[in-house]
PDB file of N, CA and C in Angstrom:
ATOM      1  N   MET A   1       0.841  -1.172   0.000  1.00  0.00           N
ATOM      2  CA  MET A   1       0.000   0.000   0.000  1.00  0.00           C
ATOM      3  C   MET A   1       0.893   1.245   0.000  1.00  0.00           C
ATOM      4  N   THR A   2       0.586   2.171  -0.889  1.00  0.00           N
ATOM      5  CA  THR A   2       1.378   3.389  -0.968  1.00  0.00           C
ATOM      6  C   THR A   2       0.720   4.491  -0.162  1.00  0.00           C
ATOM      7  N   ASN A   3       1.546   5.357   0.332  1.00  0.00           N
ATOM      8  CA  ASN A   3       1.048   6.492   1.101  1.00  0.00           C
ATOM      9  C   ASN A   3       1.064   7.704   0.176  1.00  0.00           C
ATOM     10  N   ARG A   4      -0.066   8.046  -0.370  1.00  0.00           N
ATOM     11  CA  ARG A   4      -0.165   9.184  -1.279  1.00  0.00           C
ATOM     12  C   ARG A   4      -0.626  10.408  -0.529  1.00  0.00           C
ATOM     13  N   THR A   5       0.025  11.500  -0.837  1.00  0.00           N
ATOM     14  CA  THR A   5      -0.423  12.773  -0.283  1.00  0.00           C
ATOM     15  C   THR A   5      -0.850  13.646  -1.439  1.00  0.00           C
ATOM     16  N   THR A   6      -1.826  14.441  -1.195  1.00  0.00           N
ATOM     17  CA  THR A   6      -2.297  15.336  -2.241  1.00  0.00           C
ATOM     18  C   THR A   6      -1.670  16.705  -2.036  1.00  0.00           C
ATOM     19  N   ALA A   7      -1.524  17.398  -3.124  1.00  0.00           N
ATOM     20  CA  ALA A   7      -0.979  18.750  -3.054  1.00  0.00           C
ATOM     21  C   ALA A   7      -1.974  19.653  -2.335  1.00  0.00           C
ATOM     22  N   PRO A   8      -1.466  20.589  -1.566  1.00  0.00           N
ATOM     23  CA  PRO A   8      -2.403  21.501  -0.893  1.00  0.00           C
ATOM     24  C   PRO A   8      -3.172  22.312  -1.922  1.00  0.00           C
ATOM     25  N   GLU A   9      -4.431  22.549  -1.626  1.00  0.00           N
ATOM     26  CA  GLU A   9      -5.263  23.312  -2.555  1.00  0.00           C
ATOM     27  C   GLU A   9      -4.808  24.757  -2.589  1.00  0.00           C
ATOM     28  N   ARG A  10      -4.742  25.285  -3.816  1.00  0.00           N
ATOM     29  CA  ARG A  10      -4.434  26.699  -3.966  1.00  0.00           C
ATOM     30  C   ARG A  10      -5.719  27.480  -3.812  1.00  0.00           C
ATOM     31  N   PRO A  11      -5.633  28.657  -3.210  1.00  0.00           N
ATOM     32  CA  PRO A  11      -6.856  29.458  -3.102  1.00  0.00           C
ATOM     33  C   PRO A  11      -7.369  29.806  -4.494  1.00  0.00           C
ATOM     34  N   THR A  12      -8.664  29.820  -4.638  1.00  0.00           N
ATOM     35  CA  THR A  12      -9.274  30.137  -5.926  1.00  0.00           C
ATOM     36  C   THR A  12      -9.094  31.619  -6.222  1.00  0.00           C
ATOM     37  N   LEU A  13      -8.587  31.895  -7.403  1.00  0.00           N
ATOM     38  CA  LEU A  13      -8.370  33.265  -7.854  1.00  0.00           C
ATOM     39  C   LEU A  13      -9.674  33.806  -8.418  1.00  0.00           C
ATOM     40  N   THR A  14      -9.988  35.038  -8.093  1.00  0.00           N
ATOM     41  CA  THR A  14     -11.181  35.679  -8.639  1.00  0.00           C
ATOM     42  C   THR A  14     -10.770  36.915  -9.426  1.00  0.00           C
ATOM     43  N   ILE A  15     -11.678  37.421 -10.226  1.00  0.00           N
ATOM     44  CA  ILE A  15     -11.403  38.622 -11.017  1.00  0.00           C
ATOM     45  C   ILE A  15     -11.087  39.804 -10.095  1.00  0.00           C
ATOM     46  N   ASP A  16     -11.664  39.835  -8.910  1.00  0.00           N
ATOM     47  CA  ASP A  16     -11.399  40.927  -7.966  1.00  0.00           C
ATOM     48  C   ASP A  16      -9.958  40.905  -7.458  1.00  0.00           C
ATOM     49  N   ASP A  17      -9.325  39.730  -7.471  1.00  0.00           N
ATOM     50  CA  ASP A  17      -7.932  39.627  -7.050  1.00  0.00           C
ATOM     51  C   ASP A  17      -6.993  40.344  -8.018  1.00  0.00           C
ATOM     52  N   LEU A  18      -7.465  40.639  -9.219  1.00  0.00           N
ATOM     53  CA  LEU A  18      -6.639  41.295 -10.228  1.00  0.00           C
ATOM     54  C   LEU A  18      -6.819  42.809 -10.221  1.00  0.00           C
ATOM     55  N   HIS A  19      -7.515  43.329  -9.234  1.00  0.00           N
ATOM     56  CA  HIS A  19      -7.762  44.773  -9.145  1.00  0.00           C
ATOM     57  C   HIS A  19      -6.438  45.538  -9.213  1.00  0.00           C
ATOM     58  N   GLY A  20      -6.373  46.502 -10.095  1.00  0.00           N
ATOM     59  CA  GLY A  20      -5.187  47.325 -10.225  1.00  0.00           C
ATOM     60  C   GLY A  20      -4.137  46.775 -11.174  1.00  0.00           C
ATOM     61  N   ARG A  21      -4.343  45.571 -11.681  1.00  0.00           N
ATOM     62  CA  ARG A  21      -3.391  44.986 -12.618  1.00  0.00           C
ATOM     63  C   ARG A  21      -3.886  45.195 -14.037  1.00  0.00           C
ATOM     64  N   ALA A  22      -2.965  45.444 -14.951  1.00  0.00           N
ATOM     65  CA  ALA A  22      -3.320  45.653 -16.358  1.00  0.00           C
ATOM     66  C   ALA A  22      -3.500  44.334 -17.090  1.00  0.00           C
ATOM     67  N   THR A  23      -2.718  43.324 -16.719  1.00  0.00           N
ATOM     68  CA  THR A  23      -2.772  42.035 -17.406  1.00  0.00           C
ATOM     69  C   THR A  23      -2.692  40.893 -16.408  1.00  0.00           C
ATOM     70  N   CYS A  24      -2.990  39.698 -16.899  1.00  0.00           N
ATOM     71  CA  CYS A  24      -2.801  38.492 -16.106  1.00  0.00           C
ATOM     72  C   CYS A  24      -2.246  37.405 -17.017  1.00  0.00           C
ATOM     73  N   THR A  25      -1.774  36.343 -16.423  1.00  0.00           N
ATOM     74  CA  THR A  25      -1.208  35.240 -17.195  1.00  0.00           C
ATOM     75  C   THR A  25      -2.314  34.309 -17.675  1.00  0.00           C
ATOM     76  N   VAL A  26      -1.967  33.437 -18.590  1.00  0.00           N
ATOM     77  CA  VAL A  26      -2.950  32.471 -19.094  1.00  0.00           C
ATOM     78  C   VAL A  26      -3.428  31.550 -17.965  1.00  0.00           C
ATOM     79  N   PRO A  27      -2.543  30.998 -17.125  1.00  0.00           N
ATOM     80  CA  PRO A  27      -3.046  30.163 -16.027  1.00  0.00           C
ATOM     81  C   PRO A  27      -3.970  30.915 -15.067  1.00  0.00           C
ATOM     82  N   GLU A  28      -3.676  32.190 -14.803  1.00  0.00           N
ATOM     83  CA  GLU A  28      -4.560  32.980 -13.929  1.00  0.00           C
ATOM     84  C   GLU A  28      -5.921  33.170 -14.581  1.00  0.00           C
ATOM     85  N   ALA A  29      -5.931  33.519 -15.865  1.00  0.00           N
ATOM     86  CA  ALA A  29      -7.204  33.705 -16.580  1.00  0.00           C
ATOM     87  C   ALA A  29      -7.991  32.404 -16.612  1.00  0.00           C
ATOM     88  N   ALA A  30      -7.296  31.295 -16.832  1.00  0.00           N
ATOM     89  CA  ALA A  30      -7.969  29.994 -16.866  1.00  0.00           C
ATOM     90  C   ALA A  30      -8.652  29.708 -15.538  1.00  0.00           C
ATOM     91  N   GLN A  31      -7.958  29.977 -14.449  1.00  0.00           N
ATOM     92  CA  GLN A  31      -8.544  29.728 -13.126  1.00  0.00           C
ATOM     93  C   GLN A  31      -9.775  30.611 -12.909  1.00  0.00           C
ATOM     94  N   ILE A  32      -9.691  31.865 -13.299  1.00  0.00           N
ATOM     95  CA  ILE A  32     -10.823  32.778 -13.144  1.00  0.00           C
ATOM     96  C   ILE A  32     -12.006  32.328 -13.992  1.00  0.00           C
ATOM     97  N   LEU A  33     -11.715  31.837 -15.206  1.00  0.00           N
ATOM     98  CA  LEU A  33     -12.778  31.376 -16.104  1.00  0.00           C
ATOM     99  C   LEU A  33     -13.297  29.990 -15.733  1.00  0.00           C
ATOM    100  N   GLY A  34     -12.594  29.308 -14.852  1.00  0.00           N
ATOM    101  CA  GLY A  34     -13.025  27.971 -14.437  1.00  0.00           C
ATOM    102  C   GLY A  34     -12.741  26.905 -15.479  1.00  0.00           C
ATOM    103  N   ILE A  35     -11.671  27.112 -16.247  1.00  0.00           N
ATOM    104  CA  ILE A  35     -11.278  26.132 -17.257  1.00  0.00           C
ATOM    105  C   ILE A  35      -9.822  25.752 -17.026  1.00  0.00           C
ATOM    106  N   GLY A  36      -9.386  24.701 -17.669  1.00  0.00           N
ATOM    107  CA  GLY A  36      -8.000  24.287 -17.550  1.00  0.00           C
ATOM    108  C   GLY A  36      -7.090  25.181 -18.380  1.00  0.00           C
ATOM    109  N   THR A  37      -5.816  25.146 -18.037  1.00  0.00           N
ATOM    110  CA  THR A  37      -4.841  25.957 -18.764  1.00  0.00           C
ATOM    111  C   THR A  37      -4.792  25.550 -20.234  1.00  0.00           C
ATOM    112  N   TRP A  38      -4.811  24.257 -20.503  1.00  0.00           N
ATOM    113  CA  TRP A  38      -4.785  23.779 -21.894  1.00  0.00           C
ATOM    114  C   TRP A  38      -5.992  24.321 -22.656  1.00  0.00           C
ATOM    115  N   SER A  39      -7.157  24.289 -22.042  1.00  0.00           N
ATOM    116  CA  SER A  39      -8.363  24.810 -22.690  1.00  0.00           C
ATOM    117  C   SER A  39      -8.245  26.303 -22.950  1.00  0.00           C
ATOM    118  N   ALA A  40      -7.598  27.023 -22.033  1.00  0.00           N
ATOM    119  CA  ALA A  40      -7.402  28.460 -22.225  1.00  0.00           C
ATOM    120  C   ALA A  40      -6.507  28.720 -23.437  1.00  0.00           C
ATOM    121  N   TYR A  41      -5.414  27.965 -23.565  1.00  0.00           N
ATOM    122  CA  TYR A  41      -4.542  28.141 -24.727  1.00  0.00           C
ATOM    123  C   TYR A  41      -5.274  27.799 -26.024  1.00  0.00           C
ATOM    124  N   GLU A  42      -6.115  26.791 -25.997  1.00  0.00           N
ATOM    125  CA  GLU A  42      -6.910  26.433 -27.180  1.00  0.00           C
ATOM    126  C   GLU A  42      -7.890  27.560 -27.525  1.00  0.00           C
ATOM    127  N   ALA A  43      -8.521  28.151 -26.515  1.00  0.00           N
ATOM    128  CA  ALA A  43      -9.450  29.271 -26.739  1.00  0.00           C
ATOM    129  C   ALA A  43      -8.701  30.482 -27.295  1.00  0.00           C
ATOM    130  N   ILE A  44      -7.469  30.673 -26.858  1.00  0.00           N
ATOM    131  CA  ILE A  44      -6.648  31.766 -27.395  1.00  0.00           C
ATOM    132  C   ILE A  44      -6.370  31.531 -28.869  1.00  0.00           C
ATOM    133  N   LYS A  45      -6.060  30.286 -29.224  1.00  0.00           N
ATOM    134  CA  LYS A  45      -5.814  29.963 -30.640  1.00  0.00           C
ATOM    135  C   LYS A  45      -7.039  30.247 -31.501  1.00  0.00           C
ATOM    136  N   ARG A  46      -8.239  30.079 -30.910  1.00  0.00           N
ATOM    137  CA  ARG A  46      -9.490  30.319 -31.642  1.00  0.00           C
ATOM    138  C   ARG A  46      -9.948  31.774 -31.526  1.00  0.00           C
ATOM    139  N   ASP A  47      -9.113  32.628 -30.941  1.00  0.00           N
ATOM    140  CA  ASP A  47      -9.424  34.052 -30.734  1.00  0.00           C
ATOM    141  C   ASP A  47     -10.651  34.260 -29.851  1.00  0.00           C
ATOM    142  N   GLU A  48     -10.905  33.341 -28.942  1.00  0.00           N
ATOM    143  CA  GLU A  48     -12.030  33.479 -28.012  1.00  0.00           C
ATOM    144  C   GLU A  48     -11.628  34.234 -26.740  1.00  0.00           C
ATOM    145  N   ILE A  49     -10.333  34.270 -26.461  1.00  0.00           N
ATOM    146  CA  ILE A  49      -9.816  35.027 -25.333  1.00  0.00           C
ATOM    147  C   ILE A  49      -8.841  36.046 -25.904  1.00  0.00           C
ATOM    148  N   PRO A  50      -9.050  37.340 -25.655  1.00  0.00           N
ATOM    149  CA  PRO A  50      -8.159  38.365 -26.193  1.00  0.00           C
ATOM    150  C   PRO A  50      -6.805  38.341 -25.482  1.00  0.00           C
ATOM    151  N   VAL A  51      -5.739  38.530 -26.244  1.00  0.00           N
ATOM    152  CA  VAL A  51      -4.406  38.483 -25.662  1.00  0.00           C
ATOM    153  C   VAL A  51      -3.522  39.608 -26.177  1.00  0.00           C
ATOM    154  N   ILE A  52      -2.451  39.825 -25.447  1.00  0.00           N
ATOM    155  CA  ILE A  52      -1.352  40.685 -25.868  1.00  0.00           C
ATOM    156  C   ILE A  52      -0.132  39.771 -25.916  1.00  0.00           C
ATOM    157  N   ARG A  53       0.562  39.764 -27.040  1.00  0.00           N
ATOM    158  CA  ARG A  53       1.774  38.954 -27.161  1.00  0.00           C
ATOM    159  C   ARG A  53       2.981  39.880 -27.110  1.00  0.00           C
ATOM    160  N   ILE A  54       3.870  39.574 -26.194  1.00  0.00           N
ATOM    161  CA  ILE A  54       5.123  40.323 -26.059  1.00  0.00           C
ATOM    162  C   ILE A  54       6.237  39.284 -26.096  1.00  0.00           C
ATOM    163  N   GLY A  55       6.901  39.215 -27.232  1.00  0.00           N
ATOM    164  CA  GLY A  55       7.886  38.153 -27.405  1.00  0.00           C
ATOM    165  C   GLY A  55       7.164  36.815 -27.329  1.00  0.00           C
ATOM    166  N   LYS A  56       7.634  35.952 -26.446  1.00  0.00           N
ATOM    167  CA  LYS A  56       6.988  34.645 -26.263  1.00  0.00           C
ATOM    168  C   LYS A  56       5.906  34.674 -25.191  1.00  0.00           C
ATOM    169  N   ARG A  57       5.806  35.800 -24.485  1.00  0.00           N
ATOM    170  CA  ARG A  57       4.803  35.912 -23.425  1.00  0.00           C
ATOM    171  C   ARG A  57       3.425  36.149 -23.995  1.00  0.00           C
ATOM    172  N   ILE A  58       2.445  35.531 -23.379  1.00  0.00           N
ATOM    173  CA  ILE A  58       1.041  35.742 -23.726  1.00  0.00           C
ATOM    174  C   ILE A  58       0.363  36.266 -22.475  1.00  0.00           C
ATOM    175  N   LEU A  59      -0.188  37.468 -22.569  1.00  0.00           N
ATOM    176  CA  LEU A  59      -0.857  38.095 -21.438  1.00  0.00           C
ATOM    177  C   LEU A  59      -2.292  38.439 -21.816  1.00  0.00           C
ATOM    178  N   ILE A  60      -3.164  38.370 -20.844  1.00  0.00           N
ATOM    179  CA  ILE A  60      -4.569  38.696 -21.065  1.00  0.00           C
ATOM    180  C   ILE A  60      -4.847  40.042 -20.393  1.00  0.00           C
ATOM    181  N   PRO A  61      -5.349  41.017 -21.157  1.00  0.00           N
ATOM    182  CA  PRO A  61      -5.695  42.310 -20.545  1.00  0.00           C
ATOM    183  C   PRO A  61      -6.864  42.129 -19.566  1.00  0.00           C
ATOM    184  N   VAL A  62      -6.671  42.595 -18.344  1.00  0.00           N
ATOM    185  CA  VAL A  62      -7.705  42.422 -17.317  1.00  0.00           C
ATOM    186  C   VAL A  62      -9.025  43.090 -17.714  1.00  0.00           C
ATOM    187  N   PRO A  63      -9.014  44.323 -18.269  1.00  0.00           N
ATOM    188  CA  PRO A  63     -10.298  44.917 -18.670  1.00  0.00           C
ATOM    189  C   PRO A  63     -11.042  44.066 -19.711  1.00  0.00           C
ATOM    190  N   ARG A  64     -10.311  43.458 -20.629  1.00  0.00           N
ATOM    191  CA  ARG A  64     -10.955  42.608 -21.643  1.00  0.00           C
ATOM    192  C   ARG A  64     -11.481  41.315 -21.025  1.00  0.00           C
ATOM    193  N   LEU A  65     -10.753  40.794 -20.019  1.00  0.00           N
ATOM    194  CA  LEU A  65     -11.220  39.598 -19.308  1.00  0.00           C
ATOM    195  C   LEU A  65     -12.500  39.923 -18.545  1.00  0.00           C
ATOM    196  N   ARG A  66     -12.529  41.098 -17.911  1.00  0.00           N
ATOM    197  CA  ARG A  66     -13.749  41.534 -17.208  1.00  0.00           C
ATOM    198  C   ARG A  66     -14.922  41.629 -18.183  1.00  0.00           C
ATOM    199  N   ALA A  67     -14.669  42.204 -19.368  1.00  0.00           N
ATOM    200  CA  ALA A  67     -15.725  42.332 -20.379  1.00  0.00           C
ATOM    201  C   ALA A  67     -16.200  40.963 -20.830  1.00  0.00           C
ATOM    202  N   LEU A  68     -15.267  40.035 -20.977  1.00  0.00           N
ATOM    203  CA  LEU A  68     -15.616  38.680 -21.384  1.00  0.00           C
ATOM    204  C   LEU A  68     -16.542  38.024 -20.363  1.00  0.00           C
ATOM    205  N   LEU A  69     -16.314  38.346 -19.102  1.00  0.00           N
ATOM    206  CA  LEU A  69     -17.133  37.795 -18.015  1.00  0.00           C
ATOM    207  C   LEU A  69     -18.412  38.586 -17.785  1.00  0.00           C
ATOM    208  N   GLY A  70     -18.562  39.702 -18.509  1.00  0.00           N
ATOM    209  CA  GLY A  70     -19.749  40.530 -18.324  1.00  0.00           C
ATOM    210  C   GLY A  70     -19.721  41.286 -17.020  1.00  0.00           C
ATOM    211  N   ASP A  71     -18.519  41.566 -16.552  1.00  0.00           N
ATOM    212  CA  ASP A  71     -18.339  42.250 -15.260  1.00  0.00           C
ATOM    213  C   ASP A  71     -18.291  43.749 -15.446  1.00  0.00           C
TER     214      ASP A  71
END
């Protein structure tokens, strides 16, 4: 019998946690949208999530994320 431990749960990120920030990362946006990171990248490829690309970085503008959520 193996002794498995689970990773501690991370606190759930909300759109209000991004107050004052201009952008967020794809994993942060995914958590706020309630989808997986892979699904978020797929939605970005389909232009369903607006992004700013800076070099290899992909950032989501917080105001556009709020609009997407109808906030």
